[in-house]
């Protein structure tokens, strides 16, 4: 998808980073996030 469309944010949701670690206003009828995962962020320093 084009830059800024939400690809990274979707990774955060699917991994559970949002909303477990980062509190962002969101709503989902159902969310089953990954329980055993490794994550490589776009910005490694983060």
ModelCIF file with pLDDT and N, C-alpha, C, O atoms, coordinates in Angstrom:
data_MODEL
#
_entry.id   MODEL 
#
_entity.id                         1 
_entity.type                       polymer 
_entity.pdbx_number_of_molecules   1 
#
_entity_poly.entity_id                      1 
_entity_poly.type                           'polypeptide(L)' 
_entity_poly.nstd_linkage                   no 
_entity_poly.nstd_monomer                   no 
_entity_poly.pdbx_seq_one_letter_code       
;(UNK)(UNK)(UNK)(UNK)(UNK)(UNK)(UNK)(UNK)(UNK)(UNK)(UNK)(UNK)(UNK)(UNK)(UNK)(UNK)
(UNK)(UNK)(UNK)(UNK)(UNK)(UNK)(UNK)(UNK)(UNK)(UNK)(UNK)(UNK)(UNK)(UNK)(UNK)(UNK)
(UNK)(UNK)(UNK)(UNK)(UNK)(UNK)(UNK)(UNK)(UNK)(UNK)(UNK)(UNK)(UNK)(UNK)
;
_entity_poly.pdbx_seq_one_letter_code_can   XXXXXXXXXXXXXXXXXXXXXXXXXXXXXXXXXXXXXXXXXXXXXX 
_entity_poly.pdbx_strand_id                 A 
#
loop_
_entity_poly_seq.entity_id 
_entity_poly_seq.num 
_entity_poly_seq.mon_id 
_entity_poly_seq.hetero 
1 1  UNK n 
1 2  UNK n 
1 3  UNK n 
1 4  UNK n 
1 5  UNK n 
1 6  UNK n 
1 7  UNK n 
1 8  UNK n 
1 9  UNK n 
1 10 UNK n 
1 11 UNK n 
1 12 UNK n 
1 13 UNK n 
1 14 UNK n 
1 15 UNK n 
1 16 UNK n 
1 17 UNK n 
1 18 UNK n 
1 19 UNK n 
1 20 UNK n 
1 21 UNK n 
1 22 UNK n 
1 23 UNK n 
1 24 UNK n 
1 25 UNK n 
1 26 UNK n 
1 27 UNK n 
1 28 UNK n 
1 29 UNK n 
1 30 UNK n 
1 31 UNK n 
1 32 UNK n 
1 33 UNK n 
1 34 UNK n 
1 35 UNK n 
1 36 UNK n 
1 37 UNK n 
1 38 UNK n 
1 39 UNK n 
1 40 UNK n 
1 41 UNK n 
1 42 UNK n 
1 43 UNK n 
1 44 UNK n 
1 45 UNK n 
1 46 UNK n 
#
_struct_asym.id          A 
_struct_asym.entity_id   1 
#
loop_
_ma_qa_metric.id 
_ma_qa_metric.mode 
_ma_qa_metric.name 
_ma_qa_metric.software_group_id 
_ma_qa_metric.type 
1 global pLDDT . pLDDT 
2 local  pLDDT . pLDDT 
#
_ma_qa_metric_global.metric_id      1 
_ma_qa_metric_global.metric_value   90.26 
_ma_qa_metric_global.model_id       1 
_ma_qa_metric_global.ordinal_id     1 
#
loop_
_ma_qa_metric_local.label_asym_id 
_ma_qa_metric_local.label_comp_id 
_ma_qa_metric_local.label_seq_id 
_ma_qa_metric_local.metric_id 
_ma_qa_metric_local.metric_value 
_ma_qa_metric_local.model_id 
_ma_qa_metric_local.ordinal_id 
A UNK 1  2 94.00 1 1  
A UNK 2  2 92.00 1 2  
A UNK 3  2 87.00 1 3  
A UNK 4  2 85.00 1 4  
A UNK 5  2 90.00 1 5  
A UNK 6  2 91.00 1 6  
A UNK 7  2 93.00 1 7  
A UNK 8  2 91.00 1 8  
A UNK 9  2 93.00 1 9  
A UNK 10 2 95.00 1 10 
A UNK 11 2 95.00 1 11 
A UNK 12 2 93.00 1 12 
A UNK 13 2 95.00 1 13 
A UNK 14 2 95.00 1 14 
A UNK 15 2 93.00 1 15 
A UNK 16 2 92.00 1 16 
A UNK 17 2 91.00 1 17 
A UNK 18 2 91.00 1 18 
A UNK 19 2 87.00 1 19 
A UNK 20 2 87.00 1 20 
A UNK 21 2 86.00 1 21 
A UNK 22 2 86.00 1 22 
A UNK 23 2 86.00 1 23 
A UNK 24 2 87.00 1 24 
A UNK 25 2 88.00 1 25 
A UNK 26 2 90.00 1 26 
A UNK 27 2 92.00 1 27 
A UNK 28 2 93.00 1 28 
A UNK 29 2 94.00 1 29 
A UNK 30 2 94.00 1 30 
A UNK 31 2 94.00 1 31 
A UNK 32 2 93.00 1 32 
A UNK 33 2 90.00 1 33 
A UNK 34 2 86.00 1 34 
A UNK 35 2 86.00 1 35 
A UNK 36 2 90.00 1 36 
A UNK 37 2 93.00 1 37 
A UNK 38 2 93.00 1 38 
A UNK 39 2 93.00 1 39 
A UNK 40 2 93.00 1 40 
A UNK 41 2 89.00 1 41 
A UNK 42 2 83.00 1 42 
A UNK 43 2 83.00 1 43 
A UNK 44 2 88.00 1 44 
A UNK 45 2 87.00 1 45 
A UNK 46 2 85.00 1 46 
#
loop_
_atom_site.group_PDB 
_atom_site.id 
_atom_site.type_symbol 
_atom_site.label_atom_id 
_atom_site.label_alt_id 
_atom_site.label_comp_id 
_atom_site.label_asym_id 
_atom_site.label_entity_id 
_atom_site.label_seq_id 
_atom_site.pdbx_PDB_ins_code 
_atom_site.Cartn_x 
_atom_site.Cartn_y 
_atom_site.Cartn_z 
_atom_site.occupancy 
_atom_site.B_iso_or_equiv 
_atom_site.pdbx_formal_charge 
_atom_site.auth_seq_id 
_atom_site.auth_comp_id 
_atom_site.auth_asym_id 
_atom_site.auth_atom_id 
_atom_site.pdbx_PDB_model_num 
ATOM 1   N N  . UNK A 1 1  ? 0.834   -1.191  0.000  1.00 94.00 ? 1  UNK A N  1 
ATOM 2   C CA . UNK A 1 1  ? 0.000   0.000   0.000  1.00 94.00 ? 1  UNK A CA 1 
ATOM 3   C C  . UNK A 1 1  ? 0.865   1.234   0.000  1.00 94.00 ? 1  UNK A C  1 
ATOM 4   O O  . UNK A 1 1  ? 2.046   1.152   0.338  1.00 94.00 ? 1  UNK A O  1 
ATOM 5   N N  . UNK A 1 2  ? 0.308   2.393   -0.373 1.00 92.00 ? 2  UNK A N  1 
ATOM 6   C CA . UNK A 1 2  ? 1.095   3.626   -0.404 1.00 92.00 ? 2  UNK A CA 1 
ATOM 7   C C  . UNK A 1 2  ? 1.574   4.038   0.982  1.00 92.00 ? 2  UNK A C  1 
ATOM 8   O O  . UNK A 1 2  ? 0.986   3.648   1.991  1.00 92.00 ? 2  UNK A O  1 
ATOM 9   N N  . UNK A 1 3  ? 2.626   4.816   1.025  1.00 87.00 ? 3  UNK A N  1 
ATOM 10  C CA . UNK A 1 3  ? 3.174   5.306   2.286  1.00 87.00 ? 3  UNK A CA 1 
ATOM 11  C C  . UNK A 1 3  ? 2.103   6.035   3.077  1.00 87.00 ? 3  UNK A C  1 
ATOM 12  O O  . UNK A 1 3  ? 1.410   6.903   2.547  1.00 87.00 ? 3  UNK A O  1 
ATOM 13  N N  . UNK A 1 4  ? 1.969   5.672   4.372  1.00 85.00 ? 4  UNK A N  1 
ATOM 14  C CA . UNK A 1 4  ? 1.008   6.332   5.246  1.00 85.00 ? 4  UNK A CA 1 
ATOM 15  C C  . UNK A 1 4  ? -0.375  5.717   5.253  1.00 85.00 ? 4  UNK A C  1 
ATOM 16  O O  . UNK A 1 4  ? -1.282  6.261   5.883  1.00 85.00 ? 4  UNK A O  1 
ATOM 17  N N  . UNK A 1 5  ? -0.564  4.582   4.562  1.00 90.00 ? 5  UNK A N  1 
ATOM 18  C CA . UNK A 1 5  ? -1.907  3.982   4.490  1.00 90.00 ? 5  UNK A CA 1 
ATOM 19  C C  . UNK A 1 5  ? -2.260  3.175   5.733  1.00 90.00 ? 5  UNK A C  1 
ATOM 20  O O  . UNK A 1 5  ? -3.423  2.815   5.917  1.00 90.00 ? 5  UNK A O  1 
ATOM 21  N N  . UNK A 1 6  ? -1.284  2.884   6.588  1.00 91.00 ? 6  UNK A N  1 
ATOM 22  C CA . UNK A 1 6  ? -1.577  2.168   7.824  1.00 91.00 ? 6  UNK A CA 1 
ATOM 23  C C  . UNK A 1 6  ? -0.990  0.779   7.926  1.00 91.00 ? 6  UNK A C  1 
ATOM 24  O O  . UNK A 1 6  ? -1.386  0.014   8.806  1.00 91.00 ? 6  UNK A O  1 
ATOM 25  N N  . UNK A 1 7  ? -0.052  0.425   7.048  1.00 93.00 ? 7  UNK A N  1 
ATOM 26  C CA . UNK A 1 7  ? 0.522   -0.920  7.063  1.00 93.00 ? 7  UNK A CA 1 
ATOM 27  C C  . UNK A 1 7  ? 1.218   -1.219  8.394  1.00 93.00 ? 7  UNK A C  1 
ATOM 28  O O  . UNK A 1 7  ? 1.001   -2.272  8.993  1.00 93.00 ? 7  UNK A O  1 
ATOM 29  N N  . UNK A 1 8  ? 2.055   -0.283  8.847  1.00 91.00 ? 8  UNK A N  1 
ATOM 30  C CA . UNK A 1 8  ? 2.758   -0.483  10.114 1.00 91.00 ? 8  UNK A CA 1 
ATOM 31  C C  . UNK A 1 8  ? 1.778   -0.543  11.276 1.00 91.00 ? 8  UNK A C  1 
ATOM 32  O O  . UNK A 1 8  ? 1.940   -1.347  12.194 1.00 91.00 ? 8  UNK A O  1 
ATOM 33  N N  . UNK A 1 9  ? 0.763   0.306   11.232 1.00 93.00 ? 9  UNK A N  1 
ATOM 34  C CA . UNK A 1 9  ? -0.240  0.314   12.297 1.00 93.00 ? 9  UNK A CA 1 
ATOM 35  C C  . UNK A 1 9  ? -0.976  -1.014  12.354 1.00 93.00 ? 9  UNK A C  1 
ATOM 36  O O  . UNK A 1 9  ? -1.275  -1.517  13.438 1.00 93.00 ? 9  UNK A O  1 
ATOM 37  N N  . UNK A 1 10 ? -1.270  -1.584  11.189 1.00 95.00 ? 10 UNK A N  1 
ATOM 38  C CA . UNK A 1 10 ? -1.946  -2.884  11.166 1.00 95.00 ? 10 UNK A CA 1 
ATOM 39  C C  . UNK A 1 10 ? -1.071  -3.972  11.779 1.00 95.00 ? 10 UNK A C  1 
ATOM 40  O O  . UNK A 1 10 ? -1.576  -4.857  12.469 1.00 95.00 ? 10 UNK A O  1 
ATOM 41  N N  . UNK A 1 11 ? 0.225   -3.913  11.537 1.00 95.00 ? 11 UNK A N  1 
ATOM 42  C CA . UNK A 1 11 ? 1.135   -4.861  12.190 1.00 95.00 ? 11 UNK A CA 1 
ATOM 43  C C  . UNK A 1 11 ? 1.055   -4.721  13.697 1.00 95.00 ? 11 UNK A C  1 
ATOM 44  O O  . UNK A 1 11 ? 1.062   -5.717  14.420 1.00 95.00 ? 11 UNK A O  1 
ATOM 45  N N  . UNK A 1 12 ? 0.977   -3.478  14.177 1.00 93.00 ? 12 UNK A N  1 
ATOM 46  C CA . UNK A 1 12 ? 0.869   -3.237  15.617 1.00 93.00 ? 12 UNK A CA 1 
ATOM 47  C C  . UNK A 1 12 ? -0.406  -3.865  16.182 1.00 93.00 ? 12 UNK A C  1 
ATOM 48  O O  . UNK A 1 12 ? -0.395  -4.412  17.285 1.00 93.00 ? 12 UNK A O  1 
ATOM 49  N N  . UNK A 1 13 ? -1.494  -3.787  15.433 1.00 95.00 ? 13 UNK A N  1 
ATOM 50  C CA . UNK A 1 13 ? -2.770  -4.352  15.893 1.00 95.00 ? 13 UNK A CA 1 
ATOM 51  C C  . UNK A 1 13 ? -2.720  -5.875  15.881 1.00 95.00 ? 13 UNK A C  1 
ATOM 52  O O  . UNK A 1 13 ? -3.120  -6.518  16.851 1.00 95.00 ? 13 UNK A O  1 
ATOM 53  N N  . UNK A 1 14 ? -2.230  -6.453  14.786 1.00 95.00 ? 14 UNK A N  1 
ATOM 54  C CA . UNK A 1 14 ? -2.192  -7.910  14.664 1.00 95.00 ? 14 UNK A CA 1 
ATOM 55  C C  . UNK A 1 14 ? -1.245  -8.552  15.673 1.00 95.00 ? 14 UNK A C  1 
ATOM 56  O O  . UNK A 1 14 ? -1.446  -9.696  16.081 1.00 95.00 ? 14 UNK A O  1 
ATOM 57  N N  . UNK A 1 15 ? -0.221  -7.818  16.071 1.00 93.00 ? 15 UNK A N  1 
ATOM 58  C CA . UNK A 1 15 ? 0.723   -8.338  17.061 1.00 93.00 ? 15 UNK A CA 1 
ATOM 59  C C  . UNK A 1 15 ? 0.241   -8.102  18.491 1.00 93.00 ? 15 UNK A C  1 
ATOM 60  O O  . UNK A 1 15 ? 0.703   -8.753  19.428 1.00 93.00 ? 15 UNK A O  1 
ATOM 61  N N  . UNK A 1 16 ? -0.697  -7.158  18.645 1.00 92.00 ? 16 UNK A N  1 
ATOM 62  C CA . UNK A 1 16 ? -1.178  -6.817  19.978 1.00 92.00 ? 16 UNK A CA 1 
ATOM 63  C C  . UNK A 1 16 ? -0.446  -5.648  20.605 1.00 92.00 ? 16 UNK A C  1 
ATOM 64  O O  . UNK A 1 16 ? -0.770  -5.245  21.723 1.00 92.00 ? 16 UNK A O  1 
ATOM 65  N N  . UNK A 1 17 ? 0.559   -5.083  19.891 1.00 91.00 ? 17 UNK A N  1 
ATOM 66  C CA . UNK A 1 17 ? 1.239   -3.888  20.403 1.00 91.00 ? 17 UNK A CA 1 
ATOM 67  C C  . UNK A 1 17 ? 0.211   -2.793  20.652 1.00 91.00 ? 17 UNK A C  1 
ATOM 68  O O  . UNK A 1 17 ? 0.271   -2.080  21.654 1.00 91.00 ? 17 UNK A O  1 
ATOM 69  N N  . UNK A 1 18 ? -0.750  -2.671  19.707 1.00 91.00 ? 18 UNK A N  1 
ATOM 70  C CA . UNK A 1 18 ? -1.957  -1.870  19.914 1.00 91.00 ? 18 UNK A CA 1 
ATOM 71  C C  . UNK A 1 18 ? -3.093  -2.864  20.131 1.00 91.00 ? 18 UNK A C  1 
ATOM 72  O O  . UNK A 1 18 ? -3.330  -3.681  19.242 1.00 91.00 ? 18 UNK A O  1 
ATOM 73  N N  . UNK A 1 19 ? -3.800  -2.849  21.239 1.00 87.00 ? 19 UNK A N  1 
ATOM 74  C CA . UNK A 1 19 ? -3.784  -1.820  22.280 1.00 87.00 ? 19 UNK A CA 1 
ATOM 75  C C  . UNK A 1 19 ? -3.050  -2.242  23.566 1.00 87.00 ? 19 UNK A C  1 
ATOM 76  O O  . UNK A 1 19 ? -3.112  -1.519  24.560 1.00 87.00 ? 19 UNK A O  1 
ATOM 77  N N  . UNK A 1 20 ? -2.350  -3.402  23.570 1.00 87.00 ? 20 UNK A N  1 
ATOM 78  C CA . UNK A 1 20 ? -1.744  -3.894  24.814 1.00 87.00 ? 20 UNK A CA 1 
ATOM 79  C C  . UNK A 1 20 ? -0.671  -2.944  25.349 1.00 87.00 ? 20 UNK A C  1 
ATOM 80  O O  . UNK A 1 20 ? -0.647  -2.631  26.540 1.00 87.00 ? 20 UNK A O  1 
ATOM 81  N N  . UNK A 1 21 ? 0.214   -2.489  24.463 1.00 86.00 ? 21 UNK A N  1 
ATOM 82  C CA . UNK A 1 21 ? 1.334   -1.652  24.896 1.00 86.00 ? 21 UNK A CA 1 
ATOM 83  C C  . UNK A 1 21 ? 1.145   -0.190  24.553 1.00 86.00 ? 21 UNK A C  1 
ATOM 84  O O  . UNK A 1 21 ? 1.601   0.684   25.291 1.00 86.00 ? 21 UNK A O  1 
ATOM 85  N N  . UNK A 1 22 ? 0.485   0.086   23.455 1.00 86.00 ? 22 UNK A N  1 
ATOM 86  C CA . UNK A 1 22 ? 0.247   1.459   23.015 1.00 86.00 ? 22 UNK A CA 1 
ATOM 87  C C  . UNK A 1 22 ? -1.247  1.703   23.012 1.00 86.00 ? 22 UNK A C  1 
ATOM 88  O O  . UNK A 1 22 ? -1.996  1.031   22.303 1.00 86.00 ? 22 UNK A O  1 
ATOM 89  N N  . UNK A 1 23 ? -1.673  2.663   23.802 1.00 86.00 ? 23 UNK A N  1 
ATOM 90  C CA . UNK A 1 23 ? -3.105  2.949   23.944 1.00 86.00 ? 23 UNK A CA 1 
ATOM 91  C C  . UNK A 1 23 ? -3.542  3.905   22.838 1.00 86.00 ? 23 UNK A C  1 
ATOM 92  O O  . UNK A 1 23 ? -3.274  5.105   22.900 1.00 86.00 ? 23 UNK A O  1 
ATOM 93  N N  . UNK A 1 24 ? -4.212  3.367   21.833 1.00 87.00 ? 24 UNK A N  1 
ATOM 94  C CA . UNK A 1 24 ? -4.715  4.152   20.711 1.00 87.00 ? 24 UNK A CA 1 
ATOM 95  C C  . UNK A 1 24 ? -6.216  3.907   20.594 1.00 87.00 ? 24 UNK A C  1 
ATOM 96  O O  . UNK A 1 24 ? -6.656  2.760   20.666 1.00 87.00 ? 24 UNK A O  1 
ATOM 97  N N  . UNK A 1 25 ? -7.006  4.960   20.415 1.00 88.00 ? 25 UNK A N  1 
ATOM 98  C CA . UNK A 1 25 ? -8.453  4.771   20.254 1.00 88.00 ? 25 UNK A CA 1 
ATOM 99  C C  . UNK A 1 25 ? -8.765  3.866   19.067 1.00 88.00 ? 25 UNK A C  1 
ATOM 100 O O  . UNK A 1 25 ? -8.482  4.215   17.921 1.00 88.00 ? 25 UNK A O  1 
ATOM 101 N N  . UNK A 1 26 ? -9.338  2.726   19.340 1.00 90.00 ? 26 UNK A N  1 
ATOM 102 C CA . UNK A 1 26 ? -9.674  1.775   18.287 1.00 90.00 ? 26 UNK A CA 1 
ATOM 103 C C  . UNK A 1 26 ? -10.891 0.960   18.680 1.00 90.00 ? 26 UNK A C  1 
ATOM 104 O O  . UNK A 1 26 ? -11.264 0.882   19.850 1.00 90.00 ? 26 UNK A O  1 
ATOM 105 N N  . UNK A 1 27 ? -11.495 0.359   17.675 1.00 92.00 ? 27 UNK A N  1 
ATOM 106 C CA . UNK A 1 27 ? -12.641 -0.507  17.927 1.00 92.00 ? 27 UNK A CA 1 
ATOM 107 C C  . UNK A 1 27 ? -12.611 -1.646  16.922 1.00 92.00 ? 27 UNK A C  1 
ATOM 108 O O  . UNK A 1 27 ? -12.325 -1.440  15.743 1.00 92.00 ? 27 UNK A O  1 
ATOM 109 N N  . UNK A 1 28 ? -12.903 -2.837  17.394 1.00 93.00 ? 28 UNK A N  1 
ATOM 110 C CA . UNK A 1 28 ? -12.973 -4.006  16.520 1.00 93.00 ? 28 UNK A CA 1 
ATOM 111 C C  . UNK A 1 28 ? -14.026 -4.957  17.066 1.00 93.00 ? 28 UNK A C  1 
ATOM 112 O O  . UNK A 1 28 ? -14.105 -5.190  18.273 1.00 93.00 ? 28 UNK A O  1 
ATOM 113 N N  . UNK A 1 29 ? -14.834 -5.504  16.163 1.00 94.00 ? 29 UNK A N  1 
ATOM 114 C CA . UNK A 1 29 ? -15.856 -6.459  16.583 1.00 94.00 ? 29 UNK A CA 1 
ATOM 115 C C  . UNK A 1 29 ? -15.210 -7.704  17.163 1.00 94.00 ? 29 UNK A C  1 
ATOM 116 O O  . UNK A 1 29 ? -15.773 -8.350  18.047 1.00 94.00 ? 29 UNK A O  1 
ATOM 117 N N  . UNK A 1 30 ? -14.028 -8.039  16.665 1.00 94.00 ? 30 UNK A N  1 
ATOM 118 C CA . UNK A 1 30 ? -13.293 -9.201  17.160 1.00 94.00 ? 30 UNK A CA 1 
ATOM 119 C C  . UNK A 1 30 ? -11.818 -9.013  16.844 1.00 94.00 ? 30 UNK A C  1 
ATOM 120 O O  . UNK A 1 30 ? -11.464 -8.583  15.747 1.00 94.00 ? 30 UNK A O  1 
ATOM 121 N N  . UNK A 1 31 ? -10.960 -9.334  17.804 1.00 94.00 ? 31 UNK A N  1 
ATOM 122 C CA . UNK A 1 31 ? -9.519  -9.218  17.597 1.00 94.00 ? 31 UNK A CA 1 
ATOM 123 C C  . UNK A 1 31 ? -8.816  -10.376 18.275 1.00 94.00 ? 31 UNK A C  1 
ATOM 124 O O  . UNK A 1 31 ? -8.876  -10.532 19.494 1.00 94.00 ? 31 UNK A O  1 
ATOM 125 N N  . UNK A 1 32 ? -8.151  -11.182 17.468 1.00 93.00 ? 32 UNK A N  1 
ATOM 126 C CA . UNK A 1 32 ? -7.347  -12.292 17.974 1.00 93.00 ? 32 UNK A CA 1 
ATOM 127 C C  . UNK A 1 32 ? -5.911  -12.036 17.538 1.00 93.00 ? 32 UNK A C  1 
ATOM 128 O O  . UNK A 1 32 ? -5.526  -12.356 16.413 1.00 93.00 ? 32 UNK A O  1 
ATOM 129 N N  . UNK A 1 33 ? -5.128  -11.459 18.435 1.00 90.00 ? 33 UNK A N  1 
ATOM 130 C CA . UNK A 1 33 ? -3.747  -11.104 18.123 1.00 90.00 ? 33 UNK A CA 1 
ATOM 131 C C  . UNK A 1 33 ? -2.815  -12.294 18.345 1.00 90.00 ? 33 UNK A C  1 
ATOM 132 O O  . UNK A 1 33 ? -3.173  -13.268 19.007 1.00 90.00 ? 33 UNK A O  1 
ATOM 133 N N  . UNK A 1 34 ? -1.624  -12.195 17.783 1.00 86.00 ? 34 UNK A N  1 
ATOM 134 C CA . UNK A 1 34 ? -0.636  -13.254 17.936 1.00 86.00 ? 34 UNK A CA 1 
ATOM 135 C C  . UNK A 1 34 ? -0.136  -13.317 19.377 1.00 86.00 ? 34 UNK A C  1 
ATOM 136 O O  . UNK A 1 34 ? 0.053   -12.282 20.015 1.00 86.00 ? 34 UNK A O  1 
ATOM 137 N N  . UNK A 1 35 ? 0.077   -14.529 19.890 1.00 86.00 ? 35 UNK A N  1 
ATOM 138 C CA . UNK A 1 35 ? 0.557   -14.703 21.257 1.00 86.00 ? 35 UNK A CA 1 
ATOM 139 C C  . UNK A 1 35 ? 2.062   -14.940 21.319 1.00 86.00 ? 35 UNK A C  1 
ATOM 140 O O  . UNK A 1 35 ? 2.708   -14.579 22.303 1.00 86.00 ? 35 UNK A O  1 
ATOM 141 N N  . UNK A 1 36 ? 2.617   -15.542 20.278 1.00 90.00 ? 36 UNK A N  1 
ATOM 142 C CA . UNK A 1 36 ? 4.055   -15.812 20.233 1.00 90.00 ? 36 UNK A CA 1 
ATOM 143 C C  . UNK A 1 36 ? 4.621   -15.154 18.981 1.00 90.00 ? 36 UNK A C  1 
ATOM 144 O O  . UNK A 1 36 ? 4.480   -15.678 17.876 1.00 90.00 ? 36 UNK A O  1 
ATOM 145 N N  . UNK A 1 37 ? 5.266   -13.993 19.164 1.00 93.00 ? 37 UNK A N  1 
ATOM 146 C CA . UNK A 1 37 ? 5.712   -13.269 17.979 1.00 93.00 ? 37 UNK A CA 1 
ATOM 147 C C  . UNK A 1 37 ? 7.028   -12.539 18.231 1.00 93.00 ? 37 UNK A C  1 
ATOM 148 O O  . UNK A 1 37 ? 7.396   -12.226 19.363 1.00 93.00 ? 37 UNK A O  1 
ATOM 149 N N  . UNK A 1 38 ? 7.713   -12.287 17.129 1.00 93.00 ? 38 UNK A N  1 
ATOM 150 C CA . UNK A 1 38 ? 8.869   -11.395 17.113 1.00 93.00 ? 38 UNK A CA 1 
ATOM 151 C C  . UNK A 1 38 ? 8.537   -10.246 16.191 1.00 93.00 ? 38 UNK A C  1 
ATOM 152 O O  . UNK A 1 38 ? 7.833   -10.429 15.197 1.00 93.00 ? 38 UNK A O  1 
ATOM 153 N N  . UNK A 1 39 ? 9.035   -9.062  16.507 1.00 93.00 ? 39 UNK A N  1 
ATOM 154 C CA . UNK A 1 39 ? 8.664   -7.874  15.752 1.00 93.00 ? 39 UNK A CA 1 
ATOM 155 C C  . UNK A 1 39 ? 9.931   -7.100  15.394 1.00 93.00 ? 39 UNK A C  1 
ATOM 156 O O  . UNK A 1 39 ? 10.758  -6.810  16.258 1.00 93.00 ? 39 UNK A O  1 
ATOM 157 N N  . UNK A 1 40 ? 10.073  -6.770  14.113 1.00 93.00 ? 40 UNK A N  1 
ATOM 158 C CA . UNK A 1 40 ? 11.161  -5.901  13.673 1.00 93.00 ? 40 UNK A CA 1 
ATOM 159 C C  . UNK A 1 40 ? 10.538  -4.597  13.207 1.00 93.00 ? 40 UNK A C  1 
ATOM 160 O O  . UNK A 1 40 ? 9.872   -4.544  12.173 1.00 93.00 ? 40 UNK A O  1 
ATOM 161 N N  . UNK A 1 41 ? 10.765  -3.535  13.993 1.00 89.00 ? 41 UNK A N  1 
ATOM 162 C CA . UNK A 1 41 ? 10.160  -2.251  13.708 1.00 89.00 ? 41 UNK A CA 1 
ATOM 163 C C  . UNK A 1 41 ? 10.845  -1.561  12.527 1.00 89.00 ? 41 UNK A C  1 
ATOM 164 O O  . UNK A 1 41 ? 11.997  -1.846  12.200 1.00 89.00 ? 41 UNK A O  1 
ATOM 165 N N  . UNK A 1 42 ? 10.110  -0.652  11.904 1.00 83.00 ? 42 UNK A N  1 
ATOM 166 C CA . UNK A 1 42 ? 10.644  0.134   10.802 1.00 83.00 ? 42 UNK A CA 1 
ATOM 167 C C  . UNK A 1 42 ? 11.840  0.959   11.258 1.00 83.00 ? 42 UNK A C  1 
ATOM 168 O O  . UNK A 1 42 ? 12.824  1.092   10.530 1.00 83.00 ? 42 UNK A O  1 
ATOM 169 N N  . UNK A 1 43 ? 11.755  1.505   12.446 1.00 83.00 ? 43 UNK A N  1 
ATOM 170 C CA . UNK A 1 43 ? 12.853  2.265   13.043 1.00 83.00 ? 43 UNK A CA 1 
ATOM 171 C C  . UNK A 1 43 ? 13.465  1.392   14.139 1.00 83.00 ? 43 UNK A C  1 
ATOM 172 O O  . UNK A 1 43 ? 12.871  1.264   15.209 1.00 83.00 ? 43 UNK A O  1 
ATOM 173 N N  . UNK A 1 44 ? 14.639  0.786   13.905 1.00 88.00 ? 44 UNK A N  1 
ATOM 174 C CA . UNK A 1 44 ? 15.209  -0.140  14.888 1.00 88.00 ? 44 UNK A CA 1 
ATOM 175 C C  . UNK A 1 44 ? 15.457  0.476   16.259 1.00 88.00 ? 44 UNK A C  1 
ATOM 176 O O  . UNK A 1 44 ? 15.369  -0.217  17.273 1.00 88.00 ? 44 UNK A O  1 
ATOM 177 N N  . UNK A 1 45 ? 15.766  1.776   16.301 1.00 87.00 ? 45 UNK A N  1 
ATOM 178 C CA . UNK A 1 45 ? 16.029  2.416   17.589 1.00 87.00 ? 45 UNK A CA 1 
ATOM 179 C C  . UNK A 1 45 ? 14.830  2.340   18.523 1.00 87.00 ? 45 UNK A C  1 
ATOM 180 O O  . UNK A 1 45 ? 14.985  2.366   19.744 1.00 87.00 ? 45 UNK A O  1 
ATOM 181 N N  . UNK A 1 46 ? 13.636  2.245   17.950 1.00 85.00 ? 46 UNK A N  1 
ATOM 182 C CA . UNK A 1 46 ? 12.425  2.266   18.764 1.00 85.00 ? 46 UNK A CA 1 
ATOM 183 C C  . UNK A 1 46 ? 12.186  0.956   19.516 1.00 85.00 ? 46 UNK A C  1 
ATOM 184 O O  . UNK A 1 46 ? 11.200  0.833   20.243 1.00 85.00 ? 46 UNK A O  1 
#
